Amino acid sequence: LGQTDSSDFLFGVSTTYNRIVHRDYAMVKAWARW
């Protein structure tokens, strides 16, 4: 995990504040995995 240079990528996500903070920022923790 993290060994690959992924600097070619730019992603865009549309969401809400409530979805971001749901279950102690579970979504942010999932994004951090990739």
Full PDB file with SEQRES, HELIX, SHEET, SSBOND, CRYST1, ORIGX, SCALE, CONECT and MASTER records, all heavy atoms in Angstrom:
SEQRES   1 A   34  LEU GLY GLN THR ASP SER SER ASP PHE LEU PHE GLY VAL          
SEQRES   2 A   34  SER THR THR TYR ASN ARG ILE VAL HIS ARG ASP TYR ALA          
SEQRES   3 A   34  MET VAL LYS ALA TRP ALA ARG TRP                              
HELIX    1 AA1 TYR A   17  ARG A   33  1                                  17    
CRYST1    1.000    1.000    1.000  90.00  90.00  90.00 P 1           1          
ORIGX1      1.000000  0.000000  0.000000        0.00000                         
ORIGX2      0.000000  1.000000  0.000000        0.00000                         
ORIGX3      0.000000  0.000000  1.000000        0.00000                         
SCALE1      1.000000  0.000000  0.000000        0.00000                         
SCALE2      0.000000  1.000000  0.000000        0.00000                         
SCALE3      0.000000  0.000000  1.000000        0.00000                         
ATOM      1  N   LEU A   1       0.823  -1.196   0.000  1.00  0.00           N  
ATOM      2  CA  LEU A   1       0.000   0.000   0.000  1.00  0.00           C  
ATOM      3  C   LEU A   1       0.863   1.255   0.000  1.00  0.00           C  
ATOM      4  O   LEU A   1       1.761   1.417   0.826  1.00  0.00           O  
ATOM      5  CB  LEU A   1      -0.901   0.002   1.238  1.00  0.00           C  
ATOM      6  CG  LEU A   1      -2.127   0.916   1.177  1.00  0.00           C  
ATOM      7  CD1 LEU A   1      -3.112   0.425   0.129  1.00  0.00           C  
ATOM      8  CD2 LEU A   1      -2.810   0.961   2.541  1.00  0.00           C  
ATOM      9  N   GLY A   2       0.615   2.138  -0.981  1.00  0.00           N  
ATOM     10  CA  GLY A   2       1.325   3.400  -1.047  1.00  0.00           C  
ATOM     11  C   GLY A   2       2.631   3.367  -1.804  1.00  0.00           C  
ATOM     12  O   GLY A   2       3.286   4.399  -1.962  1.00  0.00           O  
ATOM     13  N   GLN A   3       3.051   2.191  -2.291  1.00  0.00           N  
ATOM     14  CA  GLN A   3       4.314   2.111  -3.019  1.00  0.00           C  
ATOM     15  C   GLN A   3       4.207   2.668  -4.435  1.00  0.00           C  
ATOM     16  O   GLN A   3       5.201   3.066  -5.023  1.00  0.00           O  
ATOM     17  CB  GLN A   3       4.800   0.655  -3.086  1.00  0.00           C  
ATOM     18  CG  GLN A   3       5.495   0.173  -1.828  1.00  0.00           C  
ATOM     19  CD  GLN A   3       6.163  -1.172  -2.038  1.00  0.00           C  
ATOM     20  OE1 GLN A   3       5.837  -1.902  -2.971  1.00  0.00           O  
ATOM     21  NE2 GLN A   3       7.091  -1.515  -1.176  1.00  0.00           N  
ATOM     22  N   THR A   4       2.993   2.667  -4.999  1.00  0.00           N  
ATOM     23  CA  THR A   4       2.800   3.122  -6.369  1.00  0.00           C  
ATOM     24  C   THR A   4       2.656   4.641  -6.428  1.00  0.00           C  
ATOM     25  O   THR A   4       1.887   5.232  -5.658  1.00  0.00           O  
ATOM     26  CB  THR A   4       1.543   2.471  -6.979  1.00  0.00           C  
ATOM     27  OG1 THR A   4       1.683   1.053  -6.944  1.00  0.00           O  
ATOM     28  CG2 THR A   4       1.348   2.919  -8.414  1.00  0.00           C  
ATOM     29  N   ASP A   5       3.388   5.265  -7.337  1.00  0.00           N  
ATOM     30  CA  ASP A   5       3.236   6.701  -7.560  1.00  0.00           C  
ATOM     31  C   ASP A   5       1.927   6.930  -8.323  1.00  0.00           C  
ATOM     32  O   ASP A   5       1.788   6.550  -9.476  1.00  0.00           O  
ATOM     33  CB  ASP A   5       4.419   7.239  -8.366  1.00  0.00           C  
ATOM     34  CG  ASP A   5       4.326   8.739  -8.618  1.00  0.00           C  
ATOM     35  OD1 ASP A   5       3.362   9.371  -8.139  1.00  0.00           O  
ATOM     36  OD2 ASP A   5       5.204   9.276  -9.317  1.00  0.00           O  
ATOM     37  N   SER A   6       0.960   7.533  -7.662  1.00  0.00           N  
ATOM     38  CA  SER A   6      -0.375   7.738  -8.245  1.00  0.00           C  
ATOM     39  C   SER A   6      -0.624   9.194  -8.600  1.00  0.00           C  
ATOM     40  O   SER A   6      -1.777   9.646  -8.649  1.00  0.00           O  
ATOM     41  CB  SER A   6      -1.450   7.241  -7.265  1.00  0.00           C  
ATOM     42  OG  SER A   6      -1.278   5.875  -6.965  1.00  0.00           O  
ATOM     43  N   SER A   7       0.441   9.927  -8.857  1.00  0.00           N  
ATOM     44  CA  SER A   7       0.322  11.369  -9.095  1.00  0.00           C  
ATOM     45  C   SER A   7      -0.355  11.708 -10.420  1.00  0.00           C  
ATOM     46  O   SER A   7      -0.661  12.878 -10.667  1.00  0.00           O  
ATOM     47  CB  SER A   7       1.701  12.040  -9.032  1.00  0.00           C  
ATOM     48  OG  SER A   7       2.605  11.435  -9.937  1.00  0.00           O  
ATOM     49  N   ASP A   8      -0.620  10.716 -11.288  1.00  0.00           N  
ATOM     50  CA  ASP A   8      -1.349  10.969 -12.531  1.00  0.00           C  
ATOM     51  C   ASP A   8      -2.831  11.237 -12.289  1.00  0.00           C  
ATOM     52  O   ASP A   8      -3.526  11.738 -13.173  1.00  0.00           O  
ATOM     53  CB  ASP A   8      -1.230   9.773 -13.481  1.00  0.00           C  
ATOM     54  CG  ASP A   8       0.131   9.670 -14.133  1.00  0.00           C  
ATOM     55  OD1 ASP A   8       0.903  10.635 -14.034  1.00  0.00           O  
ATOM     56  OD2 ASP A   8       0.429   8.622 -14.727  1.00  0.00           O  
ATOM     57  N   PHE A   9      -3.340  10.918 -11.097  1.00  0.00           N  
ATOM     58  CA  PHE A   9      -4.783  10.911 -10.859  1.00  0.00           C  
ATOM     59  C   PHE A   9      -5.257  12.138 -10.092  1.00  0.00           C  
ATOM     60  O   PHE A   9      -4.647  12.553  -9.100  1.00  0.00           O  
ATOM     61  CB  PHE A   9      -5.183   9.663 -10.066  1.00  0.00           C  
ATOM     62  CG  PHE A   9      -5.017   8.373 -10.812  1.00  0.00           C  
ATOM     63  CD1 PHE A   9      -3.977   7.507 -10.512  1.00  0.00           C  
ATOM     64  CD2 PHE A   9      -5.907   8.018 -11.810  1.00  0.00           C  
ATOM     65  CE1 PHE A   9      -3.824   6.308 -11.193  1.00  0.00           C  
ATOM     66  CE2 PHE A   9      -5.777   6.823 -12.499  1.00  0.00           C  
ATOM     67  CZ  PHE A   9      -4.732   5.974 -12.198  1.00  0.00           C  
ATOM     68  N   LEU A  10      -6.386  12.692 -10.557  1.00  0.00           N  
ATOM     69  CA  LEU A  10      -7.139  13.705  -9.826  1.00  0.00           C  
ATOM     70  C   LEU A  10      -8.601  13.263  -9.820  1.00  0.00           C  
ATOM     71  O   LEU A  10      -9.202  13.087 -10.877  1.00  0.00           O  
ATOM     72  CB  LEU A  10      -7.004  15.079 -10.484  1.00  0.00           C  
ATOM     73  CG  LEU A  10      -7.900  16.197  -9.936  1.00  0.00           C  
ATOM     74  CD1 LEU A  10      -7.646  16.433  -8.451  1.00  0.00           C  
ATOM     75  CD2 LEU A  10      -7.705  17.491 -10.732  1.00  0.00           C  
ATOM     76  N   PHE A  11      -9.171  13.059  -8.627  1.00  0.00           N  
ATOM     77  CA  PHE A  11     -10.541  12.590  -8.500  1.00  0.00           C  
ATOM     78  C   PHE A  11     -11.425  13.692  -7.930  1.00  0.00           C  
ATOM     79  O   PHE A  11     -10.970  14.532  -7.145  1.00  0.00           O  
ATOM     80  CB  PHE A  11     -10.613  11.367  -7.575  1.00  0.00           C  
ATOM     81  CG  PHE A  11      -9.964  10.135  -8.130  1.00  0.00           C  
ATOM     82  CD1 PHE A  11      -8.627   9.865  -7.877  1.00  0.00           C  
ATOM     83  CD2 PHE A  11     -10.685   9.237  -8.895  1.00  0.00           C  
ATOM     84  CE1 PHE A  11      -8.015   8.734  -8.389  1.00  0.00           C  
ATOM     85  CE2 PHE A  11     -10.090   8.106  -9.412  1.00  0.00           C  
ATOM     86  CZ  PHE A  11      -8.750   7.848  -9.157  1.00  0.00           C  
ATOM     87  N   GLY A  12     -12.683  13.665  -8.341  1.00  0.00           N  
ATOM     88  CA  GLY A  12     -13.670  14.591  -7.817  1.00  0.00           C  
ATOM     89  C   GLY A  12     -14.855  13.842  -7.243  1.00  0.00           C  
ATOM     90  O   GLY A  12     -15.358  12.891  -7.859  1.00  0.00           O  
ATOM     91  N   VAL A  13     -15.311  14.249  -6.057  1.00  0.00           N  
ATOM     92  CA  VAL A  13     -16.440  13.612  -5.378  1.00  0.00           C  
ATOM     93  C   VAL A  13     -17.402  14.699  -4.911  1.00  0.00           C  
ATOM     94  O   VAL A  13     -16.970  15.717  -4.358  1.00  0.00           O  
ATOM     95  CB  VAL A  13     -15.975  12.791  -4.158  1.00  0.00           C  
ATOM     96  CG1 VAL A  13     -17.166  12.287  -3.362  1.00  0.00           C  
ATOM     97  CG2 VAL A  13     -15.105  11.619  -4.592  1.00  0.00           C  
ATOM     98  N   SER A  14     -18.688  14.482  -5.136  1.00  0.00           N  
ATOM     99  CA  SER A  14     -19.719  15.356  -4.583  1.00  0.00           C  
ATOM    100  C   SER A  14     -20.444  14.594  -3.485  1.00  0.00           C  
ATOM    101  O   SER A  14     -20.901  13.469  -3.693  1.00  0.00           O  
ATOM    102  CB  SER A  14     -20.707  15.787  -5.666  1.00  0.00           C  
ATOM    103  OG  SER A  14     -21.726  16.590  -5.101  1.00  0.00           O  
ATOM    104  N   THR A  15     -20.529  15.191  -2.294  1.00  0.00           N  
ATOM    105  CA  THR A  15     -21.153  14.506  -1.166  1.00  0.00           C  
ATOM    106  C   THR A  15     -21.714  15.548  -0.206  1.00  0.00           C  
ATOM    107  O   THR A  15     -21.829  16.731  -0.550  1.00  0.00           O  
ATOM    108  CB  THR A  15     -20.135  13.576  -0.471  1.00  0.00           C  
ATOM    109  OG1 THR A  15     -20.809  12.800   0.530  1.00  0.00           O  
ATOM    110  CG2 THR A  15     -18.989  14.357   0.146  1.00  0.00           C  
ATOM    111  N   THR A  16     -22.071  15.128   0.993  1.00  0.00           N  
ATOM    112  CA  THR A  16     -22.606  16.040   2.000  1.00  0.00           C  
ATOM    113  C   THR A  16     -21.780  15.940   3.270  1.00  0.00           C  
ATOM    114  O   THR A  16     -21.087  14.953   3.516  1.00  0.00           O  
ATOM    115  CB  THR A  16     -24.070  15.702   2.334  1.00  0.00           C  
ATOM    116  OG1 THR A  16     -24.122  14.413   2.972  1.00  0.00           O  
ATOM    117  CG2 THR A  16     -24.936  15.681   1.076  1.00  0.00           C  
ATOM    118  N   TYR A  17     -21.887  16.968   4.087  1.00  0.00           N  
ATOM    119  CA  TYR A  17     -21.177  16.969   5.363  1.00  0.00           C  
ATOM    120  C   TYR A  17     -21.631  15.799   6.225  1.00  0.00           C  
ATOM    121  O   TYR A  17     -20.799  15.112   6.850  1.00  0.00           O  
ATOM    122  CB  TYR A  17     -21.427  18.292   6.089  1.00  0.00           C  
ATOM    123  CG  TYR A  17     -20.903  18.315   7.510  1.00  0.00           C  
ATOM    124  CD1 TYR A  17     -19.549  18.523   7.772  1.00  0.00           C  
ATOM    125  CD2 TYR A  17     -21.772  18.125   8.595  1.00  0.00           C  
ATOM    126  CE1 TYR A  17     -19.072  18.525   9.078  1.00  0.00           C  
ATOM    127  CE2 TYR A  17     -21.304  18.141   9.899  1.00  0.00           C  
ATOM    128  CZ  TYR A  17     -19.952  18.332  10.129  1.00  0.00           C  
ATOM    129  OH  TYR A  17     -19.473  18.330  11.423  1.00  0.00           O  
ATOM    130  N   ASN A  18     -22.935  15.532   6.270  1.00  0.00           N  
ATOM    131  CA  ASN A  18     -23.446  14.447   7.112  1.00  0.00           C  
ATOM    132  C   ASN A  18     -22.902  13.097   6.690  1.00  0.00           C  
ATOM    133  O   ASN A  18     -22.614  12.247   7.541  1.00  0.00           O  
ATOM    134  CB  ASN A  18     -24.977  14.439   7.102  1.00  0.00           C  
ATOM    135  CG  ASN A  18     -25.570  15.605   7.872  1.00  0.00           C  
ATOM    136  OD1 ASN A  18     -24.919  16.174   8.752  1.00  0.00           O  
ATOM    137  ND2 ASN A  18     -26.806  15.982   7.544  1.00  0.00           N  
ATOM    138  N   ARG A  19     -22.765  12.865   5.392  1.00  0.00           N  
ATOM    139  CA  ARG A  19     -22.219  11.586   4.933  1.00  0.00           C  
ATOM    140  C   ARG A  19     -20.728  11.480   5.270  1.00  0.00           C  
ATOM    141  O   ARG A  19     -20.237  10.399   5.578  1.00  0.00           O  
ATOM    142  CB  ARG A  19     -22.444  11.419   3.420  1.00  0.00           C  
ATOM    143  CG  ARG A  19     -23.876  11.041   3.064  1.00  0.00           C  
ATOM    144  CD  ARG A  19     -24.051  10.796   1.575  1.00  0.00           C  
ATOM    145  NE  ARG A  19     -23.220   9.723   1.065  1.00  0.00           N  
ATOM    146  CZ  ARG A  19     -23.501   8.421   1.157  1.00  0.00           C  
ATOM    147  NH1 ARG A  19     -24.594   8.033   1.796  1.00  0.00           N  
ATOM    148  NH2 ARG A  19     -22.703   7.522   0.631  1.00  0.00           N  
ATOM    149  N   ILE A  20     -20.032  12.579   5.223  1.00  0.00           N  
ATOM    150  CA  ILE A  20     -18.609  12.561   5.548  1.00  0.00           C  
ATOM    151  C   ILE A  20     -18.378  12.167   7.010  1.00  0.00           C  
ATOM    152  O   ILE A  20     -17.511  11.354   7.329  1.00  0.00           O  
ATOM    153  CB  ILE A  20     -17.968  13.943   5.278  1.00  0.00           C  
ATOM    154  CG1 ILE A  20     -17.845  14.186   3.771  1.00  0.00           C  
ATOM    155  CG2 ILE A  20     -16.603  14.061   5.947  1.00  0.00           C  
ATOM    156  CD1 ILE A  20     -16.640  13.561   3.130  1.00  0.00           C  
ATOM    157  N   VAL A  21     -19.146  12.756   7.931  1.00  0.00           N  
ATOM    158  CA  VAL A  21     -18.902  12.533   9.359  1.00  0.00           C  
ATOM    159  C   VAL A  21     -19.582  11.279   9.885  1.00  0.00           C  
ATOM    160  O   VAL A  21     -19.344  10.886  11.028  1.00  0.00           O  
ATOM    161  CB  VAL A  21     -19.361  13.758  10.187  1.00  0.00           C  
ATOM    162  CG1 VAL A  21     -18.635  15.012   9.729  1.00  0.00           C  
ATOM    163  CG2 VAL A  21     -20.875  13.954  10.110  1.00  0.00           C  
ATOM    164  N   HIS A  22     -20.417  10.625   9.084  1.00  0.00           N  
ATOM    165  CA  HIS A  22     -21.160   9.441   9.535  1.00  0.00           C  
ATOM    166  C   HIS A  22     -20.201   8.341   9.993  1.00  0.00           C  
ATOM    167  O   HIS A  22     -19.171   8.088   9.364  1.00  0.00           O  
ATOM    168  CB  HIS A  22     -22.053   8.937   8.394  1.00  0.00           C  
ATOM    169  CG  HIS A  22     -22.881   7.741   8.744  1.00  0.00           C  
ATOM    170  ND1 HIS A  22     -23.798   7.743   9.763  1.00  0.00           N  
ATOM    171  CD2 HIS A  22     -22.916   6.482   8.211  1.00  0.00           C  
ATOM    172  CE1 HIS A  22     -24.382   6.562   9.850  1.00  0.00           C  
ATOM    173  NE2 HIS A  22     -23.857   5.787   8.922  1.00  0.00           N  
ATOM    174  N   ARG A  23     -20.534   7.707  11.090  1.00  0.00           N  
ATOM    175  CA  ARG A  23     -19.758   6.599  11.670  1.00  0.00           C  
ATOM    176  C   ARG A  23     -18.286   6.977  11.859  1.00  0.00           C  
ATOM    177  O   ARG A  23     -17.378   6.265  11.442  1.00  0.00           O  
ATOM    178  CB  ARG A  23     -19.877   5.331  10.822  1.00  0.00           C  
ATOM    179  CG  ARG A  23     -21.261   4.701  10.886  1.00  0.00           C  
ATOM    180  CD  ARG A  23     -21.289   3.271  10.421  1.00  0.00           C  
ATOM    181  NE  ARG A  23     -20.843   3.104   9.050  1.00  0.00           N  
ATOM    182  CZ  ARG A  23     -19.761   2.432   8.687  1.00  0.00           C  
ATOM    183  NH1 ARG A  23     -18.978   1.882   9.582  1.00  0.00           N  
ATOM    184  NH2 ARG A  23     -19.450   2.320   7.410  1.00  0.00           N  
ATOM    185  N   ASP A  24     -18.085   8.125  12.500  1.00  0.00           N  
ATOM    186  CA  ASP A  24     -16.740   8.558  12.862  1.00  0.00           C  
ATOM    187  C   ASP A  24     -15.832   8.652  11.641  1.00  0.00           C  
ATOM    188  O   ASP A  24     -14.727   8.110  11.617  1.00  0.00           O  
ATOM    189  CB  ASP A  24     -16.145   7.603  13.907  1.00  0.00           C  
ATOM    190  CG  ASP A  24     -14.862   8.151  14.525  1.00  0.00           C  
ATOM    191  OD1 ASP A  24     -14.681   9.379  14.527  1.00  0.00           O  
ATOM    192  OD2 ASP A  24     -14.050   7.324  14.972  1.00  0.00           O  
ATOM    193  N   TYR A  25     -16.305   9.331  10.622  1.00  0.00           N  
ATOM    194  CA  TYR A  25     -15.530   9.591   9.402  1.00  0.00           C  
ATOM    195  C   TYR A  25     -15.107   8.290   8.683  1.00  0.00           C  
ATOM    196  O   TYR A  25     -14.007   8.195   8.144  1.00  0.00           O  
ATOM    197  CB  TYR A  25     -14.280  10.419   9.706  1.00  0.00           C  
ATOM    198  CG  TYR A  25     -14.563  11.831  10.148  1.00  0.00           C  
ATOM    199  CD1 TYR A  25     -14.623  12.148  11.497  1.00  0.00           C  
ATOM    200  CD2 TYR A  25     -14.780  12.845   9.228  1.00  0.00           C  
ATOM    201  CE1 TYR A  25     -14.883  13.446  11.922  1.00  0.00           C  
ATOM    202  CE2 TYR A  25     -15.034  14.150   9.637  1.00  0.00           C  
ATOM    203  CZ  TYR A  25     -15.090  14.432  10.987  1.00  0.00           C  
ATOM    204  OH  TYR A  25     -15.353  15.713  11.388  1.00  0.00           O  
ATOM    205  N   ALA A  26     -16.011   7.304   8.659  1.00  0.00           N  
ATOM    206  CA  ALA A  26     -15.682   6.028   8.006  1.00  0.00           C  
ATOM    207  C   ALA A  26     -15.341   6.232   6.535  1.00  0.00           C  
ATOM    208  O   ALA A  26     -14.472   5.552   5.989  1.00  0.00           O  
ATOM    209  CB  ALA A  26     -16.850   5.053   8.146  1.00  0.00           C  
ATOM    210  N   MET A  27     -16.030   7.185   5.880  1.00  0.00           N  
ATOM    211  CA  MET A  27     -15.775   7.432   4.463  1.00  0.00           C  
ATOM    212  C   MET A  27     -14.360   7.972   4.247  1.00  0.00           C  
ATOM    213  O   MET A  27     -13.659   7.558   3.313  1.00  0.00           O  
ATOM    214  CB  MET A  27     -16.806   8.411   3.920  1.00  0.00           C  
ATOM    215  CG  MET A  27     -16.745   8.658   2.423  1.00  0.00           C  
ATOM    216  SD  MET A  27     -18.016   9.837   1.908  1.00  0.00           S  
ATOM    217  CE  MET A  27     -19.508   8.927   2.311  1.00  0.00           C  
ATOM    218  N   VAL A  28     -13.922   8.880   5.116  1.00  0.00           N  
ATOM    219  CA  VAL A  28     -12.575   9.434   5.004  1.00  0.00           C  
ATOM    220  C   VAL A  28     -11.536   8.339   5.220  1.00  0.00           C  
ATOM    221  O   VAL A  28     -10.513   8.274   4.518  1.00  0.00           O  
ATOM    222  CB  VAL A  28     -12.370  10.572   6.016  1.00  0.00           C  
ATOM    223  CG1 VAL A  28     -10.920  11.039   6.036  1.00  0.00           C  
ATOM    224  CG2 VAL A  28     -13.298  11.737   5.687  1.00  0.00           C  
ATOM    225  N   LYS A  29     -11.794   7.452   6.177  1.00  0.00           N  
ATOM    226  CA  LYS A  29     -10.869   6.342   6.430  1.00  0.00           C  
ATOM    227  C   LYS A  29     -10.782   5.425   5.216  1.00  0.00           C  
ATOM    228  O   LYS A  29      -9.709   4.896   4.897  1.00  0.00           O  
ATOM    229  CB  LYS A  29     -11.316   5.567   7.665  1.00  0.00           C  
ATOM    230  CG  LYS A  29     -11.241   6.388   8.952  1.00  0.00           C  
ATOM    231  CD  LYS A  29     -11.870   5.647  10.130  1.00  0.00           C  
ATOM    232  CE  LYS A  29     -11.873   6.521  11.385  1.00  0.00           C  
ATOM    233  NZ  LYS A  29     -12.568   5.866  12.525  1.00  0.00           N  
ATOM    234  N   ALA A  30     -11.919   5.225   4.530  1.00  0.00           N  
ATOM    235  CA  ALA A  30     -11.900   4.403   3.316  1.00  0.00           C  
ATOM    236  C   ALA A  30     -11.114   5.099   2.205  1.00  0.00           C  
ATOM    237  O   ALA A  30     -10.318   4.462   1.509  1.00  0.00           O  
ATOM    238  CB  ALA A  30     -13.330   4.116   2.862  1.00  0.00           C  
ATOM    239  N   TRP A  31     -11.318   6.409   2.033  1.00  0.00           N  
ATOM    240  CA  TRP A  31     -10.562   7.143   1.014  1.00  0.00           C  
ATOM    241  C   TRP A  31      -9.061   7.078   1.298  1.00  0.00           C  
ATOM    242  O   TRP A  31      -8.249   6.975   0.380  1.00  0.00           O  
ATOM    243  CB  TRP A  31     -11.009   8.600   0.975  1.00  0.00           C  
ATOM    244  CG  TRP A  31     -12.378   8.810   0.423  1.00  0.00           C  
ATOM    245  CD1 TRP A  31     -13.143   7.897  -0.258  1.00  0.00           C  
ATOM    246  CD2 TRP A  31     -13.164   9.997   0.504  1.00  0.00           C  
ATOM    247  NE1 TRP A  31     -14.351   8.456  -0.599  1.00  0.00           N  
ATOM    248  CE2 TRP A  31     -14.395   9.733  -0.143  1.00  0.00           C  
ATOM    249  CE3 TRP A  31     -12.954  11.254   1.071  1.00  0.00           C  
ATOM    250  CZ2 TRP A  31     -15.396  10.691  -0.247  1.00  0.00           C  
ATOM    251  CZ3 TRP A  31     -13.953  12.216   0.971  1.00  0.00           C  
ATOM    252  CH2 TRP A  31     -15.166  11.933   0.316  1.00  0.00           C  
ATOM    253  N   ALA A  32      -8.692   7.138   2.574  1.00  0.00           N  
ATOM    254  CA  ALA A  32      -7.273   7.116   2.930  1.00  0.00           C  
ATOM    255  C   ALA A  32      -6.611   5.807   2.513  1.00  0.00           C  
ATOM    256  O   ALA A  32      -5.393   5.770   2.291  1.00  0.00           O  
ATOM    257  CB  ALA A  32      -7.105   7.328   4.440  1.00  0.00           C  
ATOM    258  N   ARG A  33      -7.394   4.737   2.366  1.00  0.00           N  
ATOM    259  CA  ARG A  33      -6.825   3.453   1.943  1.00  0.00           C  
ATOM    260  C   ARG A  33      -6.309   3.528   0.505  1.00  0.00           C  
ATOM    261  O   ARG A  33      -5.412   2.762   0.134  1.00  0.00           O  
ATOM    262  CB  ARG A  33      -7.872   2.336   2.038  1.00  0.00           C  
ATOM    263  CG  ARG A  33      -8.378   2.012   3.413  1.00  0.00           C  
ATOM    264  CD  ARG A  33      -7.327   1.453   4.321  1.00  0.00           C  
ATOM    265  NE  ARG A  33      -6.704   0.244   3.797  1.00  0.00           N  
ATOM    266  CZ  ARG A  33      -5.680  -0.370   4.366  1.00  0.00           C  
ATOM    267  NH1 ARG A  33      -5.139   0.118   5.475  1.00  0.00           N  
ATOM    268  NH2 ARG A  33      -5.167  -1.458   3.846  1.00  0.00           N  
ATOM    269  N   TRP A  34      -6.880   4.412  -0.337  1.00  0.00           N  
ATOM    270  CA  TRP A  34      -6.404   4.463  -1.723  1.00  0.00           C  
ATOM    271  C   TRP A  34      -5.849   5.821  -2.129  1.00  0.00           C  
ATOM    272  O   TRP A  34      -5.406   6.002  -3.273  1.00  0.00           O  
ATOM    273  CB  TRP A  34      -7.466   3.988  -2.721  1.00  0.00           C  
ATOM    274  CG  TRP A  34      -8.822   4.613  -2.671  1.00  0.00           C  
ATOM    275  CD1 TRP A  34      -9.821   4.370  -1.785  1.00  0.00           C  
ATOM    276  CD2 TRP A  34      -9.377   5.556  -3.605  1.00  0.00           C  
ATOM    277  NE1 TRP A  34     -10.943   5.112  -2.081  1.00  0.00           N  
ATOM    278  CE2 TRP A  34     -10.704   5.845  -3.208  1.00  0.00           C  
ATOM    279  CE3 TRP A  34      -8.884   6.177  -4.745  1.00  0.00           C  
ATOM    280  CZ2 TRP A  34     -11.535   6.715  -3.893  1.00  0.00           C  
ATOM    281  CZ3 TRP A  34      -9.725   7.056  -5.432  1.00  0.00           C  
ATOM    282  CH2 TRP A  34     -11.020   7.303  -5.004  1.00  0.00           C  
TER     283      TRP A  34                                                      
MASTER        0    0    0    1    0    0    0    6  282    1    0    3          
END                                                                             
